């Protein structure tokens, strides 16, 4: 059975080839795009495994602003549903995965601020 491909927008550490190799077993190729209505802030990451892999104690997080002039730049990757589940395991509880429309008009999954943390 062939795993369906989905789009994943990354504005942070999932663009790092080392993180991609560890998370997906391959380096991803993607297209530049933007997430409208969001801005970036930095959060502290306390998960030692994530910090060890990314090399950073603080990661960006997309925060919803509803301002159409706010945009977050990043890359849309085509990944399998299996790889999407693998990215869910990589992201910490400060993030939640939602589907959004990019400025290109393409829909993609993206990890944004989880207001429940």
PDB file of N, CA and C in Angstrom:
ATOM      1  N   UNK A   1       0.834  -1.184   0.000  1.00  0.00           N
ATOM      2  CA  UNK A   1       0.000   0.000   0.000  1.00  0.00           C
ATOM      3  C   UNK A   1       0.886   1.258   0.000  1.00  0.00           C
ATOM      4  N   UNK A   2       0.567   2.199  -0.864  1.00  0.00           N
ATOM      5  CA  UNK A   2       1.330   3.436  -0.955  1.00  0.00           C
ATOM      6  C   UNK A   2       0.777   4.440   0.044  1.00  0.00           C
ATOM      7  N   UNK A   3       1.685   5.033   0.816  1.00  0.00           N
ATOM      8  CA  UNK A   3       1.307   6.033   1.811  1.00  0.00           C
ATOM      9  C   UNK A   3       1.034   7.357   1.097  1.00  0.00           C
ATOM     10  N   UNK A   4      -0.107   7.957   1.353  1.00  0.00           N
ATOM     11  CA  UNK A   4      -0.484   9.231   0.750  1.00  0.00           C
ATOM     12  C   UNK A   4       0.474  10.343   1.179  1.00  0.00           C
ATOM     13  N   UNK A   5       0.824  11.206   0.231  1.00  0.00           N
ATOM     14  CA  UNK A   5       1.702  12.330   0.531  1.00  0.00           C
ATOM     15  C   UNK A   5       0.865  13.521   0.995  1.00  0.00           C
ATOM     16  N   UNK A   6       1.390  14.233   1.974  1.00  0.00           N
ATOM     17  CA  UNK A   6       0.741  15.424   2.511  1.00  0.00           C
ATOM     18  C   UNK A   6       1.763  16.563   2.523  1.00  0.00           C
ATOM     19  N   UNK A   7       1.279  17.780   2.716  1.00  0.00           N
ATOM     20  CA  UNK A   7       2.158  18.953   2.781  1.00  0.00           C
ATOM     21  C   UNK A   7       2.368  19.354   4.233  1.00  0.00           C
ATOM     22  N   UNK A   8       3.614  19.656   4.578  1.00  0.00           N
ATOM     23  CA  UNK A   8       3.982  20.122   5.909  1.00  0.00           C
ATOM     24  C   UNK A   8       4.789  21.404   5.763  1.00  0.00           C
ATOM     25  N   UNK A   9       4.307  22.481   6.391  1.00  0.00           N
ATOM     26  CA  UNK A   9       5.005  23.765   6.375  1.00  0.00           C
ATOM     27  C   UNK A   9       5.916  23.850   7.581  1.00  0.00           C
ATOM     28  N   UNK A  10       7.185  24.164   7.343  1.00  0.00           N
ATOM     29  CA  UNK A  10       8.147  24.314   8.432  1.00  0.00           C
ATOM     30  C   UNK A  10       8.776  25.696   8.376  1.00  0.00           C
ATOM     31  N   UNK A  11       8.840  26.335   9.535  1.00  0.00           N
ATOM     32  CA  UNK A  11       9.492  27.632   9.675  1.00  0.00           C
ATOM     33  C   UNK A  11      10.651  27.552  10.663  1.00  0.00           C
ATOM     34  N   UNK A  12      10.952  26.351  11.141  1.00  0.00           N
ATOM     35  CA  UNK A  12      11.951  26.203  12.199  1.00  0.00           C
ATOM     36  C   UNK A  12      12.860  25.017  11.995  1.00  0.00           C
ATOM     37  N   UNK A  13      13.031  24.249  13.073  1.00  0.00           N
ATOM     38  CA  UNK A  13      14.058  23.212  13.106  1.00  0.00           C
ATOM     39  C   UNK A  13      13.808  22.047  12.150  1.00  0.00           C
ATOM     40  N   UNK A  14      12.578  21.845  11.693  1.00  0.00           N
ATOM     41  CA  UNK A  14      12.332  20.767  10.720  1.00  0.00           C
ATOM     42  C   UNK A  14      12.949  21.074   9.352  1.00  0.00           C
ATOM     43  N   UNK A  15      13.495  22.287   9.188  1.00  0.00           N
ATOM     44  CA  UNK A  15      14.236  22.607   7.965  1.00  0.00           C
ATOM     45  C   UNK A  15      15.694  22.162   8.074  1.00  0.00           C
ATOM     46  N   UNK A  16      16.130  21.797   9.280  1.00  0.00           N
ATOM     47  CA  UNK A  16      17.512  21.395   9.536  1.00  0.00           C
ATOM     48  C   UNK A  16      17.739  19.974   9.009  1.00  0.00           C
ATOM     49  N   UNK A  17      18.717  19.781   8.091  1.00  0.00           N
ATOM     50  CA  UNK A  17      18.950  18.433   7.542  1.00  0.00           C
ATOM     51  C   UNK A  17      19.244  17.376   8.601  1.00  0.00           C
ATOM     52  N   UNK A  18      19.934  17.726   9.681  1.00  0.00           N
ATOM     53  CA  UNK A  18      20.220  16.766  10.755  1.00  0.00           C
ATOM     54  C   UNK A  18      18.923  16.324  11.424  1.00  0.00           C
ATOM     55  N   UNK A  19      18.024  17.273  11.697  1.00  0.00           N
ATOM     56  CA  UNK A  19      16.725  16.953  12.288  1.00  0.00           C
ATOM     57  C   UNK A  19      15.913  16.098  11.323  1.00  0.00           C
ATOM     58  N   UNK A  20      15.955  16.424  10.035  1.00  0.00           N
ATOM     59  CA  UNK A  20      15.218  15.650   9.036  1.00  0.00           C
ATOM     60  C   UNK A  20      15.722  14.209   8.961  1.00  0.00           C
ATOM     61  N   UNK A  21      17.027  14.039   8.944  1.00  0.00           N
ATOM     62  CA  UNK A  21      17.587  12.685   8.876  1.00  0.00           C
ATOM     63  C   UNK A  21      17.181  11.848  10.083  1.00  0.00           C
ATOM     64  N   UNK A  22      17.226  12.450  11.274  1.00  0.00           N
ATOM     65  CA  UNK A  22      16.864  11.725  12.491  1.00  0.00           C
ATOM     66  C   UNK A  22      15.360  11.466  12.567  1.00  0.00           C
ATOM     67  N   UNK A  23      14.559  12.425  12.119  1.00  0.00           N
ATOM     68  CA  UNK A  23      13.100  12.319  12.233  1.00  0.00           C
ATOM     69  C   UNK A  23      12.485  11.487  11.112  1.00  0.00           C
ATOM     70  N   UNK A  24      12.981  11.676   9.880  1.00  0.00           N
ATOM     71  CA  UNK A  24      12.363  11.047   8.711  1.00  0.00           C
ATOM     72  C   UNK A  24      13.250  10.007   8.018  1.00  0.00           C
ATOM     73  N   UNK A  25      14.542   9.978   8.366  1.00  0.00           N
ATOM     74  CA  UNK A  25      15.457   9.057   7.705  1.00  0.00           C
ATOM     75  C   UNK A  25      15.894   9.527   6.337  1.00  0.00           C
ATOM     76  N   UNK A  26      15.604  10.786   6.007  1.00  0.00           N
ATOM     77  CA  UNK A  26      15.991  11.348   4.712  1.00  0.00           C
ATOM     78  C   UNK A  26      15.988  12.875   4.812  1.00  0.00           C
ATOM     79  N   UNK A  27      16.654  13.507   3.849  1.00  0.00           N
ATOM     80  CA  UNK A  27      16.623  14.973   3.751  1.00  0.00           C
ATOM     81  C   UNK A  27      15.473  15.335   2.827  1.00  0.00           C
ATOM     82  N   UNK A  28      14.644  16.272   3.271  1.00  0.00           N
ATOM     83  CA  UNK A  28      13.455  16.658   2.523  1.00  0.00           C
ATOM     84  C   UNK A  28      13.758  17.763   1.514  1.00  0.00           C
ATOM     85  N   UNK A  29      12.965  17.788   0.444  1.00  0.00           N
ATOM     86  CA  UNK A  29      13.022  18.882  -0.520  1.00  0.00           C
ATOM     87  C   UNK A  29      11.699  19.618  -0.438  1.00  0.00           C
ATOM     88  N   UNK A  30      11.749  20.947  -0.559  1.00  0.00           N
ATOM     89  CA  UNK A  30      10.511  21.708  -0.441  1.00  0.00           C
ATOM     90  C   UNK A  30      10.529  22.992  -1.236  1.00  0.00           C
ATOM     91  N   UNK A  31       9.406  23.702  -1.129  1.00  0.00           N
ATOM     92  CA  UNK A  31       9.215  24.971  -1.823  1.00  0.00           C
ATOM     93  C   UNK A  31       8.978  26.065  -0.792  1.00  0.00           C
ATOM     94  N   UNK A  32       9.587  27.229  -1.005  1.00  0.00           N
ATOM     95  CA  UNK A  32       9.377  28.357  -0.097  1.00  0.00           C
ATOM     96  C   UNK A  32       7.929  28.815  -0.163  1.00  0.00           C
ATOM     97  N   UNK A  33       7.398  29.215   0.977  1.00  0.00           N
ATOM     98  CA  UNK A  33       6.026  29.704   1.071  1.00  0.00           C
ATOM     99  C   UNK A  33       5.922  30.532   2.339  1.00  0.00           C
ATOM    100  N   UNK A  34       4.722  31.056   2.599  1.00  0.00           N
ATOM    101  CA  UNK A  34       4.496  31.845   3.814  1.00  0.00           C
ATOM    102  C   UNK A  34       3.163  31.474   4.435  1.00  0.00           C
ATOM    103  N   UNK A  35       3.122  31.568   5.768  1.00  0.00           N
ATOM    104  CA  UNK A  35       1.920  31.341   6.558  1.00  0.00           C
ATOM    105  C   UNK A  35       1.345  32.706   6.931  1.00  0.00           C
ATOM    106  N   UNK A  36       0.188  33.090   6.378  1.00  0.00           N
ATOM    107  CA  UNK A  36      -0.373  34.416   6.686  1.00  0.00           C
ATOM    108  C   UNK A  36      -1.122  34.426   8.013  1.00  0.00           C
ATOM    109  N   UNK A  37      -1.135  35.616   8.661  1.00  0.00           N
ATOM    110  CA  UNK A  37      -1.894  35.789   9.898  1.00  0.00           C
ATOM    111  C   UNK A  37      -1.209  35.284  11.140  1.00  0.00           C
ATOM    112  N   UNK A  38       0.092  35.051  11.045  1.00  0.00           N
ATOM    113  CA  UNK A  38       0.888  34.563  12.182  1.00  0.00           C
ATOM    114  C   UNK A  38       2.191  35.352  12.269  1.00  0.00           C
ATOM    115  N   UNK A  39       2.786  35.363  13.473  1.00  0.00           N
ATOM    116  CA  UNK A  39       4.117  35.927  13.691  1.00  0.00           C
ATOM    117  C   UNK A  39       4.898  34.928  14.526  1.00  0.00           C
ATOM    118  N   UNK A  40       6.221  35.091  14.544  1.00  0.00           N
ATOM    119  CA  UNK A  40       7.072  34.171  15.302  1.00  0.00           C
ATOM    120  C   UNK A  40       7.496  34.769  16.637  1.00  0.00           C
ATOM    121  N   UNK A  41       7.517  33.915  17.643  1.00  0.00           N
ATOM    122  CA  UNK A  41       8.127  34.215  18.936  1.00  0.00           C
ATOM    123  C   UNK A  41       9.012  33.027  19.281  1.00  0.00           C
ATOM    124  N   UNK A  42       9.870  33.183  20.260  1.00  0.00           N
ATOM    125  CA  UNK A  42      10.759  32.102  20.670  1.00  0.00           C
ATOM    126  C   UNK A  42      10.259  31.511  21.989  1.00  0.00           C
ATOM    127  N   UNK A  43      10.363  30.183  22.098  1.00  0.00           N
ATOM    128  CA  UNK A  43      10.002  29.498  23.342  1.00  0.00           C
ATOM    129  C   UNK A  43      11.173  28.618  23.773  1.00  0.00           C
ATOM    130  N   UNK A  44      11.259  28.388  25.073  1.00  0.00           N
ATOM    131  CA  UNK A  44      12.299  27.509  25.595  1.00  0.00           C
ATOM    132  C   UNK A  44      11.860  26.062  25.464  1.00  0.00           C
ATOM    133  N   UNK A  45      12.760  25.230  24.991  1.00  0.00           N
ATOM    134  CA  UNK A  45      12.496  23.796  24.839  1.00  0.00           C
ATOM    135  C   UNK A  45      13.178  23.068  25.991  1.00  0.00           C
ATOM    136  N   UNK A  46      12.408  22.287  26.734  1.00  0.00           N
ATOM    137  CA  UNK A  46      12.937  21.577  27.905  1.00  0.00           C
ATOM    138  C   UNK A  46      13.160  20.089  27.646  1.00  0.00           C
ATOM    139  N   UNK A  47      12.729  19.584  26.482  1.00  0.00           N
ATOM    140  CA  UNK A  47      12.912  18.181  26.133  1.00  0.00           C
ATOM    141  C   UNK A  47      14.364  17.988  25.677  1.00  0.00           C
ATOM    142  N   UNK A  48      15.146  17.266  26.480  1.00  0.00           N
ATOM    143  CA  UNK A  48      16.577  17.088  26.216  1.00  0.00           C
ATOM    144  C   UNK A  48      16.851  16.442  24.861  1.00  0.00           C
ATOM    145  N   UNK A  49      16.016  15.482  24.454  1.00  0.00           N
ATOM    146  CA  UNK A  49      16.222  14.820  23.169  1.00  0.00           C
ATOM    147  C   UNK A  49      16.072  15.806  22.013  1.00  0.00           C
ATOM    148  N   UNK A  50      15.073  16.683  22.093  1.00  0.00           N
ATOM    149  CA  UNK A  50      14.843  17.675  21.045  1.00  0.00           C
ATOM    150  C   UNK A  50      15.981  18.688  21.022  1.00  0.00           C
ATOM    151  N   UNK A  51      16.417  19.129  22.200  1.00  0.00           N
ATOM    152  CA  UNK A  51      17.524  20.089  22.284  1.00  0.00           C
ATOM    153  C   UNK A  51      18.802  19.468  21.737  1.00  0.00           C
ATOM    154  N   UNK A  52      19.076  18.205  22.102  1.00  0.00           N
ATOM    155  CA  UNK A  52      20.266  17.522  21.602  1.00  0.00           C
ATOM    156  C   UNK A  52      20.243  17.422  20.079  1.00  0.00           C
ATOM    157  N   UNK A  53      19.097  17.113  19.515  1.00  0.00           N
ATOM    158  CA  UNK A  53      18.981  16.942  18.071  1.00  0.00           C
ATOM    159  C   UNK A  53      19.077  18.271  17.326  1.00  0.00           C
ATOM    160  N   UNK A  54      18.361  19.278  17.801  1.00  0.00           N
ATOM    161  CA  UNK A  54      18.334  20.566  17.096  1.00  0.00           C
ATOM    162  C   UNK A  54      19.555  21.420  17.408  1.00  0.00           C
ATOM    163  N   UNK A  55      20.134  21.210  18.605  1.00  0.00           N
ATOM    164  CA  UNK A  55      21.257  22.024  19.018  1.00  0.00           C
ATOM    165  C   UNK A  55      20.849  23.359  19.621  1.00  0.00           C
ATOM    166  N   UNK A  56      19.542  23.579  19.780  1.00  0.00           N
ATOM    167  CA  UNK A  56      19.037  24.853  20.291  1.00  0.00           C
ATOM    168  C   UNK A  56      18.100  24.642  21.479  1.00  0.00           C
ATOM    169  N   UNK A  57      18.238  25.494  22.496  1.00  0.00           N
ATOM    170  CA  UNK A  57      17.348  25.437  23.660  1.00  0.00           C
ATOM    171  C   UNK A  57      16.085  26.277  23.442  1.00  0.00           C
ATOM    172  N   UNK A  58      16.101  27.144  22.442  1.00  0.00           N
ATOM    173  CA  UNK A  58      14.938  27.970  22.121  1.00  0.00           C
ATOM    174  C   UNK A  58      14.569  27.780  20.652  1.00  0.00           C
ATOM    175  N   UNK A  59      13.290  27.532  20.415  1.00  0.00           N
ATOM    176  CA  UNK A  59      12.793  27.319  19.054  1.00  0.00           C
ATOM    177  C   UNK A  59      11.720  28.358  18.739  1.00  0.00           C
ATOM    178  N   UNK A  60      11.548  28.678  17.452  1.00  0.00           N
ATOM    179  CA  UNK A  60      10.461  29.585  17.079  1.00  0.00           C
ATOM    180  C   UNK A  60       9.116  28.880  17.169  1.00  0.00           C
ATOM    181  N   UNK A  61       8.077  29.662  17.462  1.00  0.00           N
ATOM    182  CA  UNK A  61       6.705  29.144  17.449  1.00  0.00           C
ATOM    183  C   UNK A  61       5.832  30.182  16.760  1.00  0.00           C
ATOM    184  N   UNK A  62       4.936  29.716  15.885  1.00  0.00           N
ATOM    185  CA  UNK A  62       4.020  30.606  15.172  1.00  0.00           C
ATOM    186  C   UNK A  62       2.830  30.922  16.074  1.00  0.00           C
ATOM    187  N   UNK A  63       2.567  32.216  16.242  1.00  0.00           N
ATOM    188  CA  UNK A  63       1.475  32.696  17.085  1.00  0.00           C
ATOM    189  C   UNK A  63       0.445  33.382  16.192  1.00  0.00           C
ATOM    190  N   UNK A  64      -0.804  32.983  16.328  1.00  0.00           N
ATOM    191  CA  UNK A  64      -1.865  33.561  15.499  1.00  0.00           C
ATOM    192  C   UNK A  64      -2.105  35.018  15.873  1.00  0.00           C
ATOM    193  N   UNK A  65      -2.148  35.891  14.853  1.00  0.00           N
ATOM    194  CA  UNK A  65      -2.397  37.312  15.083  1.00  0.00           C
ATOM    195  C   UNK A  65      -3.684  37.787  14.405  1.00  0.00           C
ATOM    196  N   UNK A  66      -4.140  37.053  13.395  1.00  0.00           N
ATOM    197  CA  UNK A  66      -5.287  37.442  12.563  1.00  0.00           C
ATOM    198  C   UNK A  66      -5.022  38.716  11.760  1.00  0.00           C
ATOM    199  N   UNK A  67      -3.783  39.205  11.760  1.00  0.00           N
ATOM    200  CA  UNK A  67      -3.408  40.367  10.962  1.00  0.00           C
ATOM    201  C   UNK A  67      -2.905  39.855   9.616  1.00  0.00           C
ATOM    202  N   UNK A  68      -3.618  40.205   8.538  1.00  0.00           N
ATOM    203  CA  UNK A  68      -3.250  39.687   7.220  1.00  0.00           C
ATOM    204  C   UNK A  68      -1.863  40.148   6.769  1.00  0.00           C
ATOM    205  N   UNK A  69      -1.343  41.205   7.391  1.00  0.00           N
ATOM    206  CA  UNK A  69      -0.005  41.684   7.045  1.00  0.00           C
ATOM    207  C   UNK A  69       1.102  40.886   7.722  1.00  0.00           C
ATOM    208  N   UNK A  70       0.769  40.123   8.775  1.00  0.00           N
ATOM    209  CA  UNK A  70       1.751  39.262   9.439  1.00  0.00           C
ATOM    210  C   UNK A  70       1.914  37.987   8.623  1.00  0.00           C
ATOM    211  N   UNK A  71       3.173  37.612   8.389  1.00  0.00           N
ATOM    212  CA  UNK A  71       3.455  36.382   7.640  1.00  0.00           C
ATOM    213  C   UNK A  71       4.695  35.723   8.220  1.00  0.00           C
ATOM    214  N   UNK A  72       4.678  34.405   8.234  1.00  0.00           N
ATOM    215  CA  UNK A  72       5.826  33.615   8.661  1.00  0.00           C
ATOM    216  C   UNK A  72       6.381  32.922   7.426  1.00  0.00           C
ATOM    217  N   UNK A  73       7.663  33.134   7.153  1.00  0.00           N
ATOM    218  CA  UNK A  73       8.310  32.499   6.001  1.00  0.00           C
ATOM    219  C   UNK A  73       8.817  31.119   6.380  1.00  0.00           C
ATOM    220  N   UNK A  74       8.770  30.210   5.411  1.00  0.00           N
ATOM    221  CA  UNK A  74       9.248  28.859   5.637  1.00  0.00           C
ATOM    222  C   UNK A  74       9.254  28.056   4.359  1.00  0.00           C
ATOM    223  N   UNK A  75       9.147  26.748   4.512  1.00  0.00           N
ATOM    224  CA  UNK A  75       9.214  25.817   3.389  1.00  0.00           C
ATOM    225  C   UNK A  75       8.103  24.787   3.528  1.00  0.00           C
ATOM    226  N   UNK A  76       7.441  24.467   2.411  1.00  0.00           N
ATOM    227  CA  UNK A  76       6.451  23.393   2.378  1.00  0.00           C
ATOM    228  C   UNK A  76       7.135  22.137   1.844  1.00  0.00           C
ATOM    229  N   UNK A  77       7.088  21.075   2.647  1.00  0.00           N
ATOM    230  CA  UNK A  77       7.650  19.789   2.267  1.00  0.00           C
ATOM    231  C   UNK A  77       6.528  18.809   1.946  1.00  0.00           C
ATOM    232  N   UNK A  78       6.764  17.926   0.994  1.00  0.00           N
ATOM    233  CA  UNK A  78       5.859  16.810   0.723  1.00  0.00           C
ATOM    234  C   UNK A  78       6.390  15.614   1.507  1.00  0.00           C
ATOM    235  N   UNK A  79       5.556  15.117   2.426  1.00  0.00           N
ATOM    236  CA  UNK A  79       5.949  13.965   3.240  1.00  0.00           C
ATOM    237  C   UNK A  79       4.799  12.962   3.268  1.00  0.00           C
ATOM    238  N   UNK A  80       5.092  11.763   3.708  1.00  0.00           N
ATOM    239  CA  UNK A  80       4.055  10.730   3.817  1.00  0.00           C
ATOM    240  C   UNK A  80       3.278  10.903   5.120  1.00  0.00           C
ATOM    241  N   UNK A  81       2.121  10.265   5.205  1.00  0.00           N
ATOM    242  CA  UNK A  81       1.360  10.280   6.459  1.00  0.00           C
ATOM    243  C   UNK A  81       2.188   9.685   7.598  1.00  0.00           C
ATOM    244  N   UNK A  82       2.953   8.644   7.295  1.00  0.00           N
ATOM    245  CA  UNK A  82       3.835   8.030   8.300  1.00  0.00           C
ATOM    246  C   UNK A  82       4.850   9.054   8.803  1.00  0.00           C
ATOM    247  N   UNK A  83       5.437   9.821   7.890  1.00  0.00           N
ATOM    248  CA  UNK A  83       6.413  10.841   8.283  1.00  0.00           C
ATOM    249  C   UNK A  83       5.757  11.966   9.079  1.00  0.00           C
ATOM    250  N   UNK A  84       4.493  12.267   8.762  1.00  0.00           N
ATOM    251  CA  UNK A  84       3.763  13.277   9.526  1.00  0.00           C
ATOM    252  C   UNK A  84       3.613  12.831  10.983  1.00  0.00           C
ATOM    253  N   UNK A  85       3.326  11.550  11.200  1.00  0.00           N
ATOM    254  CA  UNK A  85       3.234  11.010  12.558  1.00  0.00           C
ATOM    255  C   UNK A  85       4.600  11.090  13.257  1.00  0.00           C
ATOM    256  N   UNK A  86       5.677  10.874  12.499  1.00  0.00           N
ATOM    257  CA  UNK A  86       7.025  10.978  13.059  1.00  0.00           C
ATOM    258  C   UNK A  86       7.320  12.426  13.474  1.00  0.00           C
ATOM    259  N   UNK A  87       6.854  13.395  12.692  1.00  0.00           N
ATOM    260  CA  UNK A  87       7.074  14.799  13.062  1.00  0.00           C
ATOM    261  C   UNK A  87       6.256  15.155  14.301  1.00  0.00           C
ATOM    262  N   UNK A  88       5.069  14.537  14.461  1.00  0.00           N
ATOM    263  CA  UNK A  88       4.274  14.761  15.679  1.00  0.00           C
ATOM    264  C   UNK A  88       5.060  14.330  16.919  1.00  0.00           C
ATOM    265  N   UNK A  89       5.796  13.231  16.801  1.00  0.00           N
ATOM    266  CA  UNK A  89       6.580  12.739  17.946  1.00  0.00           C
ATOM    267  C   UNK A  89       7.758  13.668  18.241  1.00  0.00           C
ATOM    268  N   UNK A  90       8.289  14.335  17.219  1.00  0.00           N
ATOM    269  CA  UNK A  90       9.419  15.249  17.417  1.00  0.00           C
ATOM    270  C   UNK A  90       8.983  16.535  18.128  1.00  0.00           C
ATOM    271  N   UNK A  91       7.817  17.074  17.763  1.00  0.00           N
ATOM    272  CA  UNK A  91       7.378  18.361  18.319  1.00  0.00           C
ATOM    273  C   UNK A  91       6.952  18.196  19.785  1.00  0.00           C
ATOM    274  N   UNK A  92       7.269  19.205  20.604  1.00  0.00           N
ATOM    275  CA  UNK A  92       6.920  19.181  22.025  1.00  0.00           C
ATOM    276  C   UNK A  92       5.497  19.710  22.219  1.00  0.00           C
ATOM    277  N   UNK A  93       4.982  19.613  23.458  1.00  0.00           N
ATOM    278  CA  UNK A  93       3.597  19.987  23.763  1.00  0.00           C
ATOM    279  C   UNK A  93       3.283  21.464  23.568  1.00  0.00           C
ATOM    280  N   UNK A  94       4.308  22.304  23.421  1.00  0.00           N
ATOM    281  CA  UNK A  94       4.077  23.739  23.200  1.00  0.00           C
ATOM    282  C   UNK A  94       3.493  24.001  21.810  1.00  0.00           C
ATOM    283  N   UNK A  95       3.521  22.965  20.954  1.00  0.00           N
ATOM    284  CA  UNK A  95       3.022  23.080  19.587  1.00  0.00           C
ATOM    285  C   UNK A  95       1.793  22.193  19.386  1.00  0.00           C
ATOM    286  N   UNK A  96       0.927  22.617  18.479  1.00  0.00           N
ATOM    287  CA  UNK A  96      -0.157  21.759  18.012  1.00  0.00           C
ATOM    288  C   UNK A  96      -0.150  21.824  16.489  1.00  0.00           C
ATOM    289  N   UNK A  97      -0.570  20.743  15.853  1.00  0.00           N
ATOM    290  CA  UNK A  97      -0.589  20.684  14.393  1.00  0.00           C
ATOM    291  C   UNK A  97      -1.973  21.073  13.885  1.00  0.00           C
ATOM    292  N   UNK A  98      -2.000  22.034  12.957  1.00  0.00           N
ATOM    293  CA  UNK A  98      -3.241  22.489  12.343  1.00  0.00           C
ATOM    294  C   UNK A  98      -3.026  22.572  10.834  1.00  0.00           C
ATOM    295  N   UNK A  99      -4.120  22.518  10.083  1.00  0.00           N
ATOM    296  CA  UNK A  99      -4.023  22.695   8.644  1.00  0.00           C
ATOM    297  C   UNK A  99      -4.380  24.134   8.304  1.00  0.00           C
ATOM    298  N   UNK A 100      -3.527  24.799   7.528  1.00  0.00           N
ATOM    299  CA  UNK A 100      -3.721  26.190   7.151  1.00  0.00           C
ATOM    300  C   UNK A 100      -3.443  26.370   5.662  1.00  0.00           C
ATOM    301  N   UNK A 101      -3.962  27.452   5.105  1.00  0.00           N
ATOM    302  CA  UNK A 101      -3.702  27.795   3.710  1.00  0.00           C
ATOM    303  C   UNK A 101      -2.546  28.774   3.651  1.00  0.00           C
ATOM    304  N   UNK A 102      -1.533  28.437   2.863  1.00  0.00           N
ATOM    305  CA  UNK A 102      -0.355  29.272   2.702  1.00  0.00           C
ATOM    306  C   UNK A 102      -0.659  30.426   1.734  1.00  0.00           C
ATOM    307  N   UNK A 103       0.245  31.388   1.614  1.00  0.00           N
ATOM    308  CA  UNK A 103       0.027  32.507   0.696  1.00  0.00           C
ATOM    309  C   UNK A 103      -0.059  32.040  -0.751  1.00  0.00           C
ATOM    310  N   UNK A 104       0.549  30.897  -1.067  1.00  0.00           N
ATOM    311  CA  UNK A 104       0.480  30.327  -2.417  1.00  0.00           C
ATOM    312  C   UNK A 104      -0.893  29.756  -2.735  1.00  0.00           C
ATOM    313  N   UNK A 105      -1.740  29.597  -1.700  1.00  0.00           N
ATOM    314  CA  UNK A 105      -3.037  28.960  -1.864  1.00  0.00           C
ATOM    315  C   UNK A 105      -3.027  27.483  -1.508  1.00  0.00           C
ATOM    316  N   UNK A 106      -1.850  26.933  -1.312  1.00  0.00           N
ATOM    317  CA  UNK A 106      -1.689  25.515  -0.960  1.00  0.00           C
ATOM    318  C   UNK A 106      -2.037  25.295   0.512  1.00  0.00           C
ATOM    319  N   UNK A 107      -2.763  24.223   0.791  1.00  0.00           N
ATOM    320  CA  UNK A 107      -3.037  23.834   2.177  1.00  0.00           C
ATOM    321  C   UNK A 107      -1.883  22.970   2.671  1.00  0.00           C
ATOM    322  N   UNK A 108      -1.503  23.198   3.936  1.00  0.00           N
ATOM    323  CA  UNK A 108      -0.412  22.417   4.523  1.00  0.00           C
ATOM    324  C   UNK A 108      -0.618  22.310   6.021  1.00  0.00           C
ATOM    325  N   UNK A 109      -0.101  21.222   6.596  1.00  0.00           N
ATOM    326  CA  UNK A 109      -0.051  21.091   8.042  1.00  0.00           C
ATOM    327  C   UNK A 109       1.054  21.991   8.559  1.00  0.00           C
ATOM    328  N   UNK A 110       0.850  22.574   9.725  1.00  0.00           N
ATOM    329  CA  UNK A 110       1.852  23.442  10.337  1.00  0.00           C
ATOM    330  C   UNK A 110       1.717  23.341  11.856  1.00  0.00           C
ATOM    331  N   UNK A 111       2.852  23.412  12.538  1.00  0.00           N
ATOM    332  CA  UNK A 111       2.842  23.401  14.007  1.00  0.00           C
ATOM    333  C   UNK A 111       2.829  24.841  14.495  1.00  0.00           C
ATOM    334  N   UNK A 112       1.802  25.172  15.289  1.00  0.00           N
ATOM    335  CA  UNK A 112       1.622  26.521  15.820  1.00  0.00           C
ATOM    336  C   UNK A 112       1.539  26.451  17.350  1.00  0.00           C
ATOM    337  N   UNK A 113       1.459  27.614  17.965  1.00  0.00           N
ATOM    338  CA  UNK A 113       1.378  27.676  19.433  1.00  0.00           C
ATOM    339  C   UNK A 113       0.185  26.882  19.947  1.00  0.00           C
ATOM    340  N   UNK A 114       0.444  26.048  20.925  1.00  0.00           N
ATOM    341  CA  UNK A 114      -0.595  25.292  21.594  1.00  0.00           C
ATOM    342  C   UNK A 114      -0.999  26.089  22.827  1.00  0.00           C
ATOM    343  N   UNK A 115      -2.154  26.712  22.775  1.00  0.00           N
ATOM    344  CA  UNK A 115      -2.604  27.574  23.873  1.00  0.00           C
ATOM    345  C   UNK A 115      -2.952  26.810  25.141  1.00  0.00           C
ATOM    346  N   UNK A 116      -2.935  25.488  25.095  1.00  0.00           N
ATOM    347  CA  UNK A 116      -3.303  24.689  26.264  1.00  0.00           C
ATOM    348  C   UNK A 116      -2.099  24.330  27.127  1.00  0.00           C
ATOM    349  N   UNK A 117      -0.914  24.809  26.749  1.00  0.00           N
ATOM    350  CA  UNK A 117       0.272  24.452  27.564  1.00  0.00           C
ATOM    351  C   UNK A 117       0.540  25.521  28.583  1.00  0.00           C
TER     352      UNK A 117
END
